Each structure stands twice: as C-alpha cells, then as structure tokens.
Amino acid sequence: MPNSIYQNSDTSVIAACIEEHKAGNTYKAFDQHIALFIKANKRRLDFLKDEAGQFITCAAKGFAPEQIVASFSGGKDSTVTADLAIKALSNPSLVHIFGDTTLEFPATMEYAKRYRDAHPEAIFQVARNDDQDFYEVCDDIGPPARMMRWCCSMFKTGPITRIINSLYGSEQILTFYGIRKAESVSRSKYNRIEDSADAVKIKQQTVASPIFFWKDIDIWLYILAEQIDFNDAYRLGYDRVGCWCCPNNTPRAQFLSSIYMPERSKAWRKFLVSFAERIGKPDPEVYVDSGKWKARQGGNGLASASDVKIRFTNCTAEDHAKIYRLVRPFDDELIGMFVPFGRVAPELGKKLLREVIVLDNRTNVPILSLQPFAQDSYDYAVKVRTMNVADHDDLQRMVSYQIRKFNACRKCLKCESVCRAGAISISAIGYYIDPYKCIHCKACVTAKYIDGGCTMDKYLRTK
C-alpha cells in the first residue's frame, strides 16, 4: 500500500469500524485451515523440533543449568526459543530476562504477564532503565534513527547487562536468543553460536540461536501446532513486535499504531515535527511524514553536539603533554576514568598542583600525569602528559576517548555492556570504574568495541 494512503486515511474512522465488527469476528474458519496446515507439515515440524533440541543440548554443554538464560522480548521468536529451551533442557526453572524498554506495545506487556503466570517455576527477571526518560533523551541528542539507535543500548542492552551482573557477576553465561537469519541483512551475518568479543553486545554472554535458520512460516507452524500462547499484537496485524516507535518500523506498522495507539502516535509525531523545526528543516511535517527523520545522521543542529568534539592544545612547556578542554571542572569522576590504564596513584603526584599519577599495572612504572589546568581559551581544562611508553600518540588517543566520555556521557550504558569484568557502573551519581574489579583489558577505550571511545561520538558528530 502506498504511503500516501496511510497518511490520508482517517484512522479514527478505521478504529471505530474495527471496534464495531470485533465481536462478530471468530477463528472458526482459521482453525479449520490451520489444522490442515499442521497435518500437512508434520514432518517439517518434527525435523525443526528435533534439530533445535539437539542444538540446544549441545550448546548447553559446559554450562551449569543456573548459567543458562533465555532472552525474552515478548515477540514470537523469543517465545518459541524459550519454549524450545525449556523442553530440550527439561528445565521449567530456566532464567528468563525480559527487556522492558519502556516503549513496548501494550499487548506486549499484557503477554509478558500472561507468560509469567503460565510459567510459575521460571525465574523471570525484568530489565528496565528507570533512570532515563525516552523523550528527555530525544530532546537532548535527537530521536533514534535507523543508523543511530542509541535507544537499544540505553533501554535494552544496558538494563539487561545490569540484570546479568547482579545475577552472575563476571561469570560467563549462555543466552538463548530468538535471532533468525531471514530477519535482516545484518542478522544474516551472525553465527548461530557467537562468543567473539567484537560480535556480542554483552561481553559476558555466549549467544546461541536455536531458530537461526527458521522462516516466519516455521515459527507459526511451531506456535500453532504446540498451541502456545502468543502476543496479541500479531492478531492486530503487526508482523514484528518491538518498540512501537522504532525507526526500523515499516509505514504499515506506524499506520497500525496510529489506529491502536492514537494518543501515543500523535504525541510522537508532534515531538518529531518540533525537533525538525529546531534543527532547521525547511518543511518539518514533510520531513517527518515522509520518514526522512529515520535517515538522520549525527548531531547537526543540536547544542549537545559540541560535547563530543575533542579540543586540545599541545603544551609548550612539556613534551608529550596535551591540554584538553573539559565541559565541567576536573574531579574524581574524571580521575576514575583512568583506572583502565593502570593504578591511579594521587599520592605520587604534586599535591599543590593536584597532580595524579597513573602507574602501568604490570610494571608499576608511571605512564600518565593528570592535573587540572588553567587555559585562557577553555573554561575548564586538564593537562595530560604521557611518559615511559613506546607510543605516546596511541596512549593519548585512548586518553582522548576518556575525555570525550567525561564531556559527553549521556548514560547510554554501552560501557557497562562492554566490560566483561562488570567493573563499570553508570548512575545519577556519575561514571564509575571499580579499581578492584577492573582487569585493565582496555576494551572500554578501544575503538573496536566503542567507536570514537564513546557512543555519543556517533550520535552527535557533526560534518
């Protein structure tokens, strides 16, 4: 259906029509056809069940039952995956982690409650970020876009990481995910079992995907044949269930939301139009309604964009020293961000200058000197000097990543997910690295895991 039809349709009339005829709709004819469908595909179903069951039991070898988790989103794929795992492992007490992004369909929240009631023995954990408000973050750094979905880290992966840390500490676990190759080009590049540090979002996980090769029709064959309850959002016409305002949603999904969630949809569109006006789009309503906001990149037009720019001058008095601009005063939070480099030793620095020395964790040799600095062109600044290293530029590059975090951190929680040791915690108090947990792997200051040292570099960078 062309987008213009979606945009020009009176959704209030459609909603009233649906409500009027709802009572007369039955599943009698559907059930008759589905019975034949299941009978005709029995051999296919048996193969899918047997193959997935063998995969699950094989993947679970080497993990204790309490180290195995099902990632539960409330969608059809995670529902099937959880059911397969419970049956294959004969473990009704399997740990489920439900990521409540705060942007779920009402039907998803209702289904999660039904699922929980139907599985009383399961350990059901809810991961939710109550420290952030979606609209407030959108106002600060802009709405998420297809290539800039900061919301996934902040409202899904990050909260799930916190649940995993609270349950398992730094222990490695196995998580069964409902990832399927057919869903998208990016997912087709995954491995069915994934544990490489650069591919897994939460580093404490080995991720296994029992339904990786299944098609949509296979998912519904299993659900209907096994008579599994599922999310009612699919009955409303949605083909995928996730965040209701996700930029990856199709125009059809947006159209359905305007029917079933009119107030939320109107509020979201109003915000998007207001945002488009603020960043200087010439025709804000067209920008929003045509879906161009989904292709937005960087922080053009946003005041917050200046926070990710690394500004520094080279110190003329000392070799290998740079003076970095800060957006707020030098404090203990900034000092703590240098824990990954080694042992932070303020007692070794010049007290009158408030200097802090950082020692290499292997050799105990000083490699960094930090001190607050007065710089005419900056309101706040820190001087960072590198020493006793072979590559001063490489070390300064990693230093600049921590400066960027200090200036631009929006508590997206990506760093918490990257840290395999569970040493990083981000809260209203600030960004903290536990020196007793940190293993100095430097993943949090490596572009391989966090491009630009901070995810905000991607979301707020300007051209």
Foldseek 3Di string as FASTA:
>chain_A
DDLVCLVPDDLQVVLVVCVVCVVVDDCVVVVVVLVVVLVVCVVVLVVLLVQLLVQLVVVCPPPDQLQEEQEDAQALLSLVQVVSNCVSVVPLQHEYEYQPLVQFDPLSVVSVVVVCVVSVNYRYHYFFDPQDDQLVVCVAQNHAAPVRPLSCLQRGLQSVLVVCCVSPFLAAGEYEYSQELPPDVVSVPDDQWDQDLLPDLFNSYTYHYSCHHPDPVSSVSCCVVVVPDGRCVVVLPDPTTHRQPDLPDDSVSLSSCCNVPVVVSVVVLVSQLVVCVQLPPPRSNCCVSVSVSNVDWAARNHPLLVLQDWDWDADPVDPLKIKTAAPDADDPQLLQLCLLQADWAQVPDDVVQSKIFGAHNPPRHTFKIWGWDDDPVHPTIIMIHGDDDPDSVVVVQLSSLSRSCNRRPPNSSSLCSSDSNSQWDAHPVGTHGNSVRRPSPCSLSDCSRPNSSHSSCGSHPDD
